[in-house]
Amino acid sequence: MTGPAVGSANTAPRAGFQPGADLGRPPAPTDLALPVVGAKLLLTADGTVGRVADLPADTPWVPLGTLDGVPAWATDLATADGIPGRARGWASLAAEVPEPLATLAGRALAVVTWRRTHRWCGACRAELTDQPGETARRCPDCGLYVPMQLSTAVLVAITRPGPAGRADELLLVRHATGPTGLWALVAGFVEAGETLESAVHREVGEEVGLSVDQLAYFGSQPWAISGPGVLLAGFTARAADPRAEPVVDGRELTRAHWFGLDALPAELPPAYSISRWLIDATVTAGRR
């Protein structure tokens, strides 16, 4: 899809981050620059996002969109040698900066990684060319259209009534991989042919052996830790059988436990994650 127009005669620049892929004009020296080195972003020496003028004039740029009306560009660097600044992973950066900038940084990583791994046609092996105005490529020989695709994952905050006179309880789990010390939510990737809702039911059944009802959509978040182009979709739900206990699958999860909303563990997901937003919203709703 073509990105939004910026600074046209009839529209004012839009606040926040707006994705785009417009190559209608070259980068200006004062535009935002997000160089990617491997799986990290290169920031200035003082930890801020740099400008196009900070890099050599022959740097190849890829459009990302705008941040508060200012165009932003990414570039794929083989090395940061000779360029002042420091490389940061997305997780540490997202923990410190406002949400729109974290989203822009995640898009930079996603777009650059996708371009790096989608250079050749998978049908005829010709070199792909960029599709004007889109985050997509096309084969000049066989015409294969290759858009940047998203991988969608669902996560769900499952609650049940607590003991008489006590707060509701929230199901939290510990994963076998990744940040294994955190108590998190049941989550998993959507399979081809599934709706988001059916993916929630399947993941809950597979990972903890429970059934849920009263499923409600909460919100979504682009996520740059699990890989390029990941979108998390959050839900709330109630345990269909309030007396049922979780049984972990032993492969993806190592533990699962019901916690009172007034007695949650300290080892929760980071504040910038939709997982934490779901947990905090569930606690707030339980106090009403």
Protein backbone atom coordinates (compact mmCIF):
# COMPACT_ATOMS: atom_id res chain seq x y z
CA MET A 1 0.00 0.00 0.00
CA THR A 2 1.20 3.50 -0.73
CA GLY A 3 2.16 5.55 2.31
CA PRO A 4 0.34 8.75 3.28
CA ALA A 5 1.19 12.00 1.56
CA VAL A 6 3.25 14.36 3.69
CA GLY A 7 3.05 18.12 3.69
CA SER A 8 0.72 18.44 0.67
CA ALA A 9 -1.13 21.66 0.01
CA ASN A 10 -4.34 20.48 1.66
CA THR A 11 -3.02 18.46 4.58
CA ALA A 12 -0.95 19.25 7.64
CA PRO A 13 1.79 16.84 8.77
CA ARG A 14 0.30 14.12 10.96
CA ALA A 15 1.51 13.66 14.52
CA GLY A 16 3.12 10.47 15.73
CA PHE A 17 4.57 7.82 13.43
CA GLN A 18 3.02 7.30 10.01
CA PRO A 19 4.45 4.48 7.84
CA GLY A 20 5.24 5.25 4.24
CA ALA A 21 7.32 4.18 1.25
CA ASP A 22 7.36 7.34 -0.84
CA LEU A 23 10.47 7.88 -2.95
CA GLY A 24 9.00 10.99 -4.55
CA ARG A 25 11.81 13.16 -3.22
CA PRO A 26 15.35 12.42 -2.04
CA PRO A 27 16.21 12.58 1.66
CA ALA A 28 16.84 16.06 3.04
CA PRO A 29 19.86 16.62 5.27
CA THR A 30 17.63 17.27 8.30
CA ASP A 31 15.45 14.17 7.81
CA LEU A 32 15.67 11.44 10.45
CA ALA A 33 18.21 8.69 9.81
CA LEU A 34 18.01 5.15 11.23
CA PRO A 35 21.04 3.12 10.13
CA VAL A 36 20.76 -0.61 10.81
CA VAL A 37 23.87 -2.65 11.57
CA GLY A 38 23.06 -6.35 11.74
CA ALA A 39 20.10 -6.52 14.12
CA LYS A 40 20.78 -3.20 15.87
CA LEU A 41 20.11 0.47 15.27
CA LEU A 42 22.95 2.99 15.14
CA LEU A 43 22.19 6.08 17.21
CA THR A 44 24.27 9.20 17.75
CA ALA A 45 26.88 9.33 20.49
CA ASP A 46 24.36 10.94 22.87
CA GLY A 47 21.78 8.22 22.21
CA THR A 48 19.42 10.16 19.94
CA VAL A 49 18.25 9.48 16.39
CA GLY A 50 20.61 11.04 13.87
CA ARG A 51 20.02 13.00 10.69
CA VAL A 52 20.67 12.14 7.06
CA ALA A 53 23.51 14.69 7.01
CA ASP A 54 25.36 12.61 9.63
CA LEU A 55 26.15 9.88 7.08
CA PRO A 56 28.11 9.97 3.80
CA ALA A 57 26.42 11.64 0.85
CA ASP A 58 26.34 8.41 -1.19
CA THR A 59 24.44 6.43 1.48
CA PRO A 60 21.53 4.44 -0.06
CA TRP A 61 18.33 5.28 1.81
CA VAL A 62 15.02 3.45 2.18
CA PRO A 63 11.88 5.45 3.16
CA LEU A 64 10.16 4.53 6.42
CA GLY A 65 7.44 7.17 6.74
CA THR A 66 7.28 10.20 9.02
CA LEU A 67 7.62 10.97 12.72
CA ASP A 68 5.61 14.06 13.66
CA GLY A 69 5.73 15.12 10.03
CA VAL A 70 9.50 14.68 9.61
CA PRO A 71 10.48 12.08 6.97
CA ALA A 72 12.51 9.14 8.26
CA TRP A 73 14.90 6.91 6.33
CA ALA A 74 16.78 3.68 6.98
CA THR A 75 19.96 2.25 5.53
CA ASP A 76 21.64 -1.14 5.83
CA LEU A 77 25.25 -0.80 7.00
CA ALA A 78 27.68 -3.70 6.82
CA THR A 79 29.73 -2.05 9.57
CA ALA A 80 29.60 1.04 11.76
CA ASP A 81 33.36 1.59 11.50
CA GLY A 82 34.17 5.25 10.97
CA ILE A 83 30.64 6.42 11.87
CA PRO A 84 30.34 7.97 15.34
CA GLY A 85 27.57 6.64 17.53
CA ARG A 86 26.50 3.48 19.32
CA ALA A 87 24.44 0.49 18.26
CA ARG A 88 21.35 -0.35 20.30
CA GLY A 89 19.01 -3.31 20.28
CA TRP A 90 15.31 -2.57 19.87
CA ALA A 91 14.33 -3.87 23.32
CA SER A 92 16.65 -1.55 25.24
CA LEU A 93 15.72 1.38 23.01
CA ALA A 94 11.97 0.80 23.32
CA ALA A 95 12.31 0.78 27.10
CA GLU A 96 13.60 4.35 27.08
CA VAL A 97 11.93 6.29 24.25
CA PRO A 98 8.32 7.37 23.57
CA GLU A 99 6.11 4.84 21.79
CA PRO A 100 6.04 6.52 18.34
CA LEU A 101 9.85 6.50 18.16
CA ALA A 102 9.98 2.88 19.31
CA THR A 103 7.55 1.96 16.53
CA LEU A 104 9.62 3.82 13.95
CA ALA A 105 12.77 2.04 15.14
CA GLY A 106 10.99 -1.30 14.88
CA ARG A 107 9.90 -0.51 11.33
CA ALA A 108 13.48 0.37 10.39
CA LEU A 109 14.68 -3.02 11.60
CA ALA A 110 11.80 -4.83 9.92
CA VAL A 111 12.14 -3.13 6.53
CA VAL A 112 15.92 -3.44 6.34
CA THR A 113 15.88 -7.09 7.42
CA TRP A 114 13.13 -7.89 4.91
CA ARG A 115 15.04 -6.22 2.07
CA ARG A 116 18.20 -8.05 3.09
CA THR A 117 16.46 -11.43 2.88
CA HIS A 118 14.27 -10.74 -0.18
CA ARG A 119 16.75 -9.76 -2.86
CA TRP A 120 16.15 -12.62 -5.30
CA CYS A 121 13.00 -13.97 -6.97
CA GLY A 122 11.92 -17.26 -5.43
CA ALA A 123 10.38 -18.41 -8.71
CA CYS A 124 13.01 -17.64 -11.36
CA ARG A 125 15.98 -16.38 -9.32
CA ALA A 126 16.24 -12.98 -11.00
CA GLU A 127 17.13 -9.97 -8.87
CA LEU A 128 14.04 -8.21 -7.55
CA THR A 129 13.37 -4.50 -8.08
CA ASP A 130 11.63 -2.07 -5.75
CA GLN A 131 7.95 -1.38 -6.31
CA PRO A 132 7.45 2.43 -6.37
CA GLY A 133 5.46 3.77 -3.43
CA GLU A 134 5.26 0.41 -1.65
CA THR A 135 7.23 -1.70 0.77
CA ALA A 136 7.32 -4.38 -1.89
CA ARG A 137 9.46 -5.77 -4.68
CA ARG A 138 8.70 -7.27 -8.08
CA CYS A 139 10.59 -9.62 -10.37
CA PRO A 140 11.46 -7.90 -13.69
CA ASP A 141 11.56 -11.26 -15.49
CA CYS A 142 8.51 -13.27 -14.35
CA GLY A 143 6.51 -10.49 -12.67
CA LEU A 144 6.35 -12.11 -9.22
CA TYR A 145 5.05 -9.56 -6.69
CA VAL A 146 6.77 -9.76 -3.28
CA PRO A 147 5.20 -7.53 -0.62
CA MET A 148 6.60 -7.31 2.87
CA GLN A 149 4.44 -9.73 4.83
CA LEU A 150 3.53 -9.64 8.50
CA SER A 151 3.62 -12.57 10.90
CA THR A 152 0.73 -12.21 13.34
CA ALA A 153 0.81 -13.60 16.86
CA VAL A 154 -1.94 -13.58 19.48
CA LEU A 155 -1.66 -13.26 23.24
CA VAL A 156 -4.39 -13.48 25.81
CA ALA A 157 -4.98 -12.43 29.41
CA ILE A 158 -7.11 -15.22 30.92
CA THR A 159 -8.89 -14.61 34.21
CA ARG A 160 -11.15 -16.58 36.52
CA PRO A 161 -13.00 -15.78 39.76
CA GLY A 162 -10.79 -15.89 42.83
CA PRO A 163 -11.69 -17.61 46.12
CA ALA A 164 -14.69 -16.20 47.94
CA GLY A 165 -13.99 -12.65 49.01
CA ARG A 166 -10.74 -12.47 47.04
CA ALA A 167 -9.72 -10.77 43.80
CA ASP A 168 -10.00 -12.44 40.42
CA GLU A 169 -7.03 -14.50 39.29
CA LEU A 170 -4.88 -14.11 36.16
CA LEU A 171 -3.13 -16.97 34.40
CA LEU A 172 0.59 -16.33 33.85
CA VAL A 173 3.12 -18.65 32.25
CA ARG A 174 6.86 -19.07 31.91
CA HIS A 175 8.29 -19.88 28.49
CA ALA A 176 10.96 -22.45 27.73
CA THR A 177 12.85 -20.00 25.49
CA GLY A 178 13.39 -16.25 25.37
CA PRO A 179 13.10 -14.32 28.64
CA THR A 180 12.48 -17.44 30.73
CA GLY A 181 12.51 -15.56 34.03
CA LEU A 182 9.37 -13.56 33.22
CA TRP A 183 5.79 -14.45 34.05
CA ALA A 184 4.00 -13.74 30.76
CA LEU A 185 0.75 -14.44 28.91
CA VAL A 186 -0.19 -17.39 26.73
CA ALA A 187 0.80 -16.47 23.17
CA GLY A 188 1.53 -17.96 19.78
CA PHE A 189 1.62 -17.36 16.05
CA VAL A 190 -1.49 -17.49 13.88
CA GLU A 191 -1.56 -20.37 11.40
CA ALA A 192 -2.66 -20.06 7.76
CA GLY A 193 -6.44 -20.37 7.53
CA GLU A 194 -7.06 -19.29 11.14
CA THR A 195 -8.87 -16.26 12.47
CA LEU A 196 -7.27 -14.42 15.37
CA GLU A 197 -9.96 -15.79 17.67
CA SER A 198 -9.50 -19.40 16.61
CA ALA A 199 -5.74 -19.01 17.10
CA VAL A 200 -6.35 -17.92 20.70
CA HIS A 201 -8.52 -20.97 21.41
CA ARG A 202 -5.97 -23.30 19.80
CA GLU A 203 -2.93 -21.83 21.58
CA VAL A 204 -4.65 -21.89 24.97
CA GLY A 205 -5.69 -25.50 24.46
CA GLU A 206 -2.25 -26.59 23.24
CA GLU A 207 -0.13 -24.74 25.78
CA VAL A 208 -2.14 -24.98 29.02
CA GLY A 209 -4.98 -27.41 28.27
CA LEU A 210 -7.77 -24.93 29.04
CA SER A 211 -10.85 -23.65 27.27
CA VAL A 212 -11.85 -19.99 27.33
CA ASP A 213 -14.93 -17.92 26.60
CA GLN A 214 -15.92 -14.21 26.68
CA LEU A 215 -13.07 -13.55 24.26
CA ALA A 216 -12.62 -9.82 23.57
CA TYR A 217 -10.14 -7.95 21.41
CA PHE A 218 -7.85 -5.58 23.33
CA GLY A 219 -5.41 -4.03 20.86
CA SER A 220 -2.26 -4.64 18.83
CA GLN A 221 1.42 -3.70 18.70
CA PRO A 222 4.17 -4.06 16.10
CA TRP A 223 6.91 -6.13 17.74
CA ALA A 224 10.56 -6.02 16.70
CA ILE A 225 11.99 -8.65 19.06
CA SER A 226 10.47 -11.88 17.71
CA GLY A 227 11.60 -11.15 14.15
CA PRO A 228 10.93 -8.68 11.34
CA GLY A 229 7.32 -7.88 10.57
CA VAL A 230 5.71 -9.37 13.69
CA LEU A 231 2.36 -7.95 14.81
CA LEU A 232 0.97 -8.86 18.23
CA ALA A 233 -2.81 -8.94 18.70
CA GLY A 234 -4.00 -8.97 22.32
CA PHE A 235 -7.20 -10.41 23.80
CA THR A 236 -8.87 -10.85 27.16
CA ALA A 237 -10.84 -13.99 28.07
CA ARG A 238 -12.38 -15.88 30.96
CA ALA A 239 -11.65 -19.50 31.81
CA ALA A 240 -14.61 -21.59 30.65
CA ASP A 241 -14.23 -23.82 33.72
CA PRO A 242 -13.17 -21.66 36.70
CA ARG A 243 -12.02 -24.76 38.59
CA ALA A 244 -9.72 -26.07 35.86
CA GLU A 245 -5.98 -25.97 36.43
CA PRO A 246 -3.46 -25.41 33.65
CA VAL A 247 -1.31 -28.24 32.36
CA VAL A 248 1.75 -26.99 30.48
CA ASP A 249 2.79 -28.61 27.21
CA GLY A 250 6.39 -29.08 28.39
CA ARG A 251 7.79 -27.80 25.10
CA GLU A 252 6.96 -24.12 24.81
CA LEU A 253 6.05 -23.57 28.47
CA THR A 254 7.69 -24.69 31.68
CA ARG A 255 5.20 -23.35 34.23
CA ALA A 256 1.68 -21.95 34.46
CA HIS A 257 0.02 -20.54 37.56
CA TRP A 258 -3.06 -18.58 38.64
CA PHE A 259 -2.14 -15.35 40.44
CA GLY A 260 -4.51 -13.09 42.33
CA LEU A 261 -4.78 -9.69 40.66
CA ASP A 262 -3.74 -8.21 44.00
CA ALA A 263 -0.71 -10.50 44.28
CA LEU A 264 1.01 -10.57 40.90
CA PRO A 265 4.72 -11.48 40.75
CA ALA A 266 7.36 -8.83 40.20
CA GLU A 267 8.82 -10.57 37.14
CA LEU A 268 6.34 -9.22 34.59
CA PRO A 269 6.87 -8.21 30.92
CA PRO A 270 8.40 -4.76 30.27
CA ALA A 271 6.24 -1.66 30.43
CA TYR A 272 6.53 -0.95 26.68
CA SER A 273 4.97 -4.31 25.68
CA ILE A 274 1.34 -5.07 24.88
CA SER A 275 1.67 -8.03 27.24
CA ARG A 276 2.20 -5.61 30.12
CA TRP A 277 -0.55 -3.31 28.85
CA LEU A 278 -2.94 -6.25 28.94
CA ILE A 279 -1.88 -7.23 32.45
CA ASP A 280 -2.16 -3.67 33.76
CA ALA A 281 -5.57 -3.19 32.12
CA THR A 282 -6.78 -6.47 33.64
CA VAL A 283 -5.67 -5.35 37.10
CA THR A 284 -7.39 -1.98 36.66
CA ALA A 285 -10.62 -3.64 35.50
CA GLY A 286 -10.51 -5.99 38.48
CA ARG A 287 -10.53 -3.05 40.89
CA ARG A 288 -13.78 -1.65 39.56
